[in-house]
Amino acid sequence: MQSEFNLEALVKHFESGTLAPELFHHQEHVKIAWWYLQNYSLVESIARFTSGIKHFARQQGKENLYHETITLAYVLLINERIYKTGNLLVWGEFANAN
């Protein structure tokens, strides 16, 4: 289980553009989206996550990999799962339930 401190560090690296590409896989996408949804409104979470993903893709020279519809769908799905699982406030519990 990843601690809240490590999860916050992951988000900080994501936002600052210092997250190494080899450390940013599907699970990290989900963790970051989940963290935003735990700390911000749905609208703010979407804005922060999409902005961060676009910035990350630009930094890697892979702007063409960003897909708005897929990104929004993932955030909305994670949001729906948060409410379906009773708004589990610990990443490990949420991950195990999904």
N, C-alpha and C. Protein backbone atom coordinates (compact mmCIF):
# COMPACT_ATOMS: atom_id res chain seq x y z
N MET A 1 0.85 -1.18 0.00
CA MET A 1 0.00 0.00 0.00
C MET A 1 0.89 1.24 0.00
N GLN A 2 0.55 2.20 -0.85
CA GLN A 2 1.34 3.42 -0.93
C GLN A 2 0.85 4.41 0.13
N SER A 3 1.79 4.98 0.86
CA SER A 3 1.41 5.93 1.91
C SER A 3 0.91 7.23 1.30
N GLU A 4 0.16 7.97 2.10
CA GLU A 4 -0.32 9.28 1.64
C GLU A 4 0.84 10.19 1.29
N PHE A 5 1.93 10.11 2.07
CA PHE A 5 3.09 10.95 1.77
C PHE A 5 3.62 10.64 0.39
N ASN A 6 3.79 9.35 0.07
CA ASN A 6 4.29 8.97 -1.24
C ASN A 6 3.33 9.35 -2.35
N LEU A 7 2.05 9.24 -2.08
CA LEU A 7 1.05 9.63 -3.06
C LEU A 7 1.10 11.13 -3.31
N GLU A 8 1.24 11.91 -2.26
CA GLU A 8 1.37 13.35 -2.42
C GLU A 8 2.65 13.70 -3.16
N ALA A 9 3.73 12.97 -2.91
CA ALA A 9 4.99 13.20 -3.63
C ALA A 9 4.81 12.88 -5.11
N LEU A 10 4.09 11.81 -5.42
CA LEU A 10 3.80 11.46 -6.81
C LEU A 10 3.06 12.60 -7.50
N VAL A 11 2.04 13.14 -6.84
CA VAL A 11 1.27 14.24 -7.41
C VAL A 11 2.15 15.48 -7.59
N LYS A 12 3.00 15.78 -6.62
CA LYS A 12 3.89 16.95 -6.73
C LYS A 12 4.84 16.80 -7.91
N HIS A 13 5.40 15.61 -8.08
CA HIS A 13 6.29 15.38 -9.23
C HIS A 13 5.53 15.48 -10.54
N PHE A 14 4.30 14.97 -10.56
CA PHE A 14 3.45 15.06 -11.75
C PHE A 14 3.19 16.52 -12.09
N GLU A 15 2.79 17.31 -11.10
CA GLU A 15 2.45 18.71 -11.34
C GLU A 15 3.66 19.56 -11.71
N SER A 16 4.81 19.24 -11.14
CA SER A 16 6.01 20.05 -11.41
C SER A 16 6.74 19.61 -12.67
N GLY A 17 6.30 18.52 -13.26
CA GLY A 17 6.95 18.04 -14.47
C GLY A 17 8.23 17.26 -14.22
N THR A 18 8.44 16.82 -12.98
CA THR A 18 9.67 16.10 -12.64
C THR A 18 9.45 14.60 -12.50
N LEU A 19 8.28 14.12 -12.86
CA LEU A 19 8.00 12.69 -12.79
C LEU A 19 8.66 12.00 -13.97
N ALA A 20 9.51 11.03 -13.70
CA ALA A 20 10.21 10.30 -14.75
C ALA A 20 9.20 9.49 -15.58
N PRO A 21 9.31 9.53 -16.90
CA PRO A 21 8.35 8.81 -17.75
C PRO A 21 8.25 7.32 -17.42
N GLU A 22 9.36 6.72 -17.03
CA GLU A 22 9.33 5.28 -16.72
C GLU A 22 8.58 4.98 -15.42
N LEU A 23 8.21 6.02 -14.68
CA LEU A 23 7.45 5.84 -13.44
C LEU A 23 5.98 6.23 -13.60
N PHE A 24 5.57 6.53 -14.83
CA PHE A 24 4.21 7.02 -15.07
C PHE A 24 3.46 6.04 -15.97
N HIS A 25 2.87 5.03 -15.32
CA HIS A 25 2.12 4.01 -16.03
C HIS A 25 0.64 4.14 -15.66
N HIS A 26 -0.14 3.16 -16.09
CA HIS A 26 -1.59 3.22 -15.86
C HIS A 26 -1.93 3.40 -14.37
N GLN A 27 -1.27 2.63 -13.51
CA GLN A 27 -1.59 2.73 -12.08
C GLN A 27 -1.32 4.13 -11.54
N GLU A 28 -0.25 4.78 -12.00
CA GLU A 28 0.05 6.14 -11.53
C GLU A 28 -0.98 7.13 -12.05
N HIS A 29 -1.46 6.93 -13.27
CA HIS A 29 -2.55 7.77 -13.79
C HIS A 29 -3.76 7.68 -12.85
N VAL A 30 -4.12 6.45 -12.50
CA VAL A 30 -5.29 6.23 -11.65
C VAL A 30 -5.07 6.81 -10.26
N LYS A 31 -3.89 6.59 -9.69
CA LYS A 31 -3.58 7.13 -8.35
C LYS A 31 -3.72 8.65 -8.33
N ILE A 32 -3.16 9.30 -9.33
CA ILE A 32 -3.20 10.77 -9.37
C ILE A 32 -4.63 11.26 -9.53
N ALA A 33 -5.38 10.65 -10.44
CA ALA A 33 -6.78 11.06 -10.62
C ALA A 33 -7.56 10.83 -9.33
N TRP A 34 -7.35 9.69 -8.68
CA TRP A 34 -8.03 9.40 -7.41
C TRP A 34 -7.67 10.45 -6.37
N TRP A 35 -6.39 10.79 -6.26
CA TRP A 35 -5.94 11.78 -5.27
C TRP A 35 -6.61 13.13 -5.53
N TYR A 36 -6.66 13.55 -6.80
CA TYR A 36 -7.34 14.81 -7.11
C TYR A 36 -8.80 14.76 -6.68
N LEU A 37 -9.47 13.66 -6.99
CA LEU A 37 -10.89 13.54 -6.64
C LEU A 37 -11.12 13.50 -5.14
N GLN A 38 -10.13 13.08 -4.38
CA GLN A 38 -10.24 13.10 -2.92
C GLN A 38 -9.99 14.50 -2.35
N ASN A 39 -9.32 15.35 -3.10
CA ASN A 39 -8.90 16.64 -2.58
C ASN A 39 -9.53 17.85 -3.24
N TYR A 40 -10.19 17.65 -4.38
CA TYR A 40 -10.79 18.76 -5.12
C TYR A 40 -12.17 18.34 -5.63
N SER A 41 -12.91 19.30 -6.11
CA SER A 41 -14.20 19.00 -6.74
C SER A 41 -13.95 18.24 -8.04
N LEU A 42 -14.99 17.64 -8.57
CA LEU A 42 -14.87 16.92 -9.84
C LEU A 42 -14.35 17.85 -10.94
N VAL A 43 -14.91 19.04 -11.03
CA VAL A 43 -14.51 19.98 -12.07
C VAL A 43 -13.04 20.37 -11.91
N GLU A 44 -12.61 20.69 -10.70
CA GLU A 44 -11.22 21.06 -10.45
C GLU A 44 -10.30 19.87 -10.70
N SER A 45 -10.72 18.69 -10.32
CA SER A 45 -9.92 17.48 -10.55
C SER A 45 -9.70 17.26 -12.04
N ILE A 46 -10.75 17.39 -12.83
CA ILE A 46 -10.63 17.24 -14.28
C ILE A 46 -9.67 18.28 -14.84
N ALA A 47 -9.82 19.52 -14.42
CA ALA A 47 -8.95 20.59 -14.92
C ALA A 47 -7.49 20.32 -14.58
N ARG A 48 -7.22 19.94 -13.36
CA ARG A 48 -5.84 19.69 -12.93
C ARG A 48 -5.26 18.46 -13.63
N PHE A 49 -6.04 17.40 -13.72
CA PHE A 49 -5.54 16.16 -14.31
C PHE A 49 -5.29 16.34 -15.81
N THR A 50 -6.23 16.91 -16.53
CA THR A 50 -6.04 17.08 -17.97
C THR A 50 -4.88 18.03 -18.26
N SER A 51 -4.78 19.09 -17.49
CA SER A 51 -3.65 20.02 -17.67
C SER A 51 -2.32 19.32 -17.42
N GLY A 52 -2.26 18.53 -16.37
CA GLY A 52 -1.04 17.81 -16.04
C GLY A 52 -0.66 16.78 -17.08
N ILE A 53 -1.65 16.05 -17.59
CA ILE A 53 -1.38 15.03 -18.62
C ILE A 53 -0.87 15.71 -19.89
N LYS A 54 -1.51 16.81 -20.28
CA LYS A 54 -1.06 17.53 -21.48
C LYS A 54 0.36 18.04 -21.30
N HIS A 55 0.66 18.59 -20.15
CA HIS A 55 2.01 19.09 -19.86
C HIS A 55 3.02 17.95 -19.90
N PHE A 56 2.69 16.84 -19.29
CA PHE A 56 3.58 15.67 -19.29
C PHE A 56 3.84 15.20 -20.72
N ALA A 57 2.80 15.10 -21.53
CA ALA A 57 2.94 14.65 -22.92
C ALA A 57 3.83 15.62 -23.71
N ARG A 58 3.62 16.92 -23.52
CA ARG A 58 4.46 17.92 -24.21
C ARG A 58 5.92 17.76 -23.83
N GLN A 59 6.18 17.57 -22.54
CA GLN A 59 7.55 17.42 -22.06
C GLN A 59 8.24 16.22 -22.69
N GLN A 60 7.47 15.19 -22.98
CA GLN A 60 8.03 13.98 -23.57
C GLN A 60 8.05 14.04 -25.09
N GLY A 61 7.54 15.15 -25.65
CA GLY A 61 7.46 15.27 -27.10
C GLY A 61 6.43 14.32 -27.71
N LYS A 62 5.40 14.00 -26.94
CA LYS A 62 4.40 13.03 -27.38
C LYS A 62 2.99 13.60 -27.22
N GLU A 63 2.80 14.83 -27.69
CA GLU A 63 1.50 15.48 -27.56
C GLU A 63 0.38 14.66 -28.18
N ASN A 64 0.73 13.90 -29.24
CA ASN A 64 -0.28 13.12 -29.95
C ASN A 64 -0.83 11.95 -29.13
N LEU A 65 -0.19 11.62 -28.00
CA LEU A 65 -0.68 10.52 -27.17
C LEU A 65 -1.83 10.94 -26.26
N TYR A 66 -2.01 12.25 -26.05
CA TYR A 66 -3.09 12.72 -25.18
C TYR A 66 -4.42 12.58 -25.92
N HIS A 67 -5.41 12.05 -25.23
CA HIS A 67 -6.75 11.90 -25.81
C HIS A 67 -7.77 12.42 -24.79
N GLU A 68 -8.40 13.52 -25.12
CA GLU A 68 -9.32 14.21 -24.21
C GLU A 68 -10.47 13.30 -23.75
N THR A 69 -11.10 12.62 -24.68
CA THR A 69 -12.25 11.79 -24.33
C THR A 69 -11.86 10.65 -23.39
N ILE A 70 -10.75 9.99 -23.68
CA ILE A 70 -10.30 8.89 -22.82
C ILE A 70 -9.94 9.41 -21.43
N THR A 71 -9.25 10.54 -21.38
CA THR A 71 -8.86 11.12 -20.10
C THR A 71 -10.08 11.47 -19.26
N LEU A 72 -11.04 12.14 -19.87
CA LEU A 72 -12.27 12.50 -19.15
C LEU A 72 -13.03 11.25 -18.70
N ALA A 73 -13.10 10.26 -19.57
CA ALA A 73 -13.80 9.02 -19.22
C ALA A 73 -13.17 8.35 -18.01
N TYR A 74 -11.84 8.31 -17.98
CA TYR A 74 -11.15 7.69 -16.83
C TYR A 74 -11.44 8.45 -15.53
N VAL A 75 -11.37 9.77 -15.58
CA VAL A 75 -11.62 10.55 -14.36
C VAL A 75 -13.06 10.34 -13.90
N LEU A 76 -13.99 10.35 -14.83
CA LEU A 76 -15.40 10.14 -14.47
C LEU A 76 -15.63 8.73 -13.94
N LEU A 77 -14.97 7.74 -14.52
CA LEU A 77 -15.11 6.36 -14.04
C LEU A 77 -14.54 6.21 -12.63
N ILE A 78 -13.38 6.80 -12.40
CA ILE A 78 -12.78 6.75 -11.06
C ILE A 78 -13.68 7.45 -10.05
N ASN A 79 -14.25 8.58 -10.44
CA ASN A 79 -15.18 9.30 -9.57
C ASN A 79 -16.39 8.43 -9.24
N GLU A 80 -16.92 7.76 -10.24
CA GLU A 80 -18.07 6.88 -10.03
C GLU A 80 -17.70 5.73 -9.09
N ARG A 81 -16.52 5.17 -9.25
CA ARG A 81 -16.07 4.06 -8.40
C ARG A 81 -15.84 4.53 -6.96
N ILE A 82 -15.39 5.75 -6.79
CA ILE A 82 -15.21 6.30 -5.44
C ILE A 82 -16.54 6.25 -4.69
N TYR A 83 -17.60 6.68 -5.36
CA TYR A 83 -18.91 6.70 -4.71
C TYR A 83 -19.51 5.31 -4.56
N LYS A 84 -19.23 4.43 -5.53
CA LYS A 84 -19.74 3.05 -5.44
C LYS A 84 -19.09 2.28 -4.30
N THR A 85 -17.84 2.58 -4.01
CA THR A 85 -17.12 1.84 -2.96
C THR A 85 -17.22 2.53 -1.61
N GLY A 86 -18.09 3.49 -1.49
CA GLY A 86 -18.30 4.14 -0.20
C GLY A 86 -17.26 5.19 0.12
N ASN A 87 -16.67 5.78 -0.91
CA ASN A 87 -15.70 6.87 -0.74
C ASN A 87 -14.55 6.47 0.19
N LEU A 88 -13.92 5.33 -0.12
CA LEU A 88 -12.77 4.88 0.66
C LEU A 88 -11.67 5.94 0.59
N LEU A 89 -11.17 6.34 1.74
CA LEU A 89 -10.23 7.46 1.80
C LEU A 89 -8.76 7.04 1.77
N VAL A 90 -8.51 5.75 1.66
CA VAL A 90 -7.14 5.26 1.61
C VAL A 90 -6.93 4.60 0.25
N TRP A 91 -5.85 5.00 -0.45
CA TRP A 91 -5.61 4.50 -1.80
C TRP A 91 -5.64 2.97 -1.85
N GLY A 92 -4.94 2.30 -0.96
CA GLY A 92 -4.87 0.84 -1.00
C GLY A 92 -6.23 0.18 -0.92
N GLU A 93 -7.11 0.71 -0.09
CA GLU A 93 -8.46 0.17 0.03
C GLU A 93 -9.23 0.37 -1.27
N PHE A 94 -9.11 1.56 -1.84
CA PHE A 94 -9.79 1.84 -3.10
C PHE A 94 -9.27 0.92 -4.20
N ALA A 95 -7.95 0.80 -4.29
CA ALA A 95 -7.34 -0.04 -5.33
C ALA A 95 -7.79 -1.49 -5.18
N ASN A 96 -7.80 -2.00 -3.96
CA ASN A 96 -8.22 -3.39 -3.73
C ASN A 96 -9.69 -3.61 -4.06
N ALA A 97 -10.51 -2.59 -3.87
CA ALA A 97 -11.94 -2.71 -4.14
C ALA A 97 -12.26 -2.59 -5.63
N ASN A 98 -11.27 -2.14 -6.40
CA ASN A 98 -11.53 -1.93 -7.83
C ASN A 98 -10.55 -2.70 -8.68
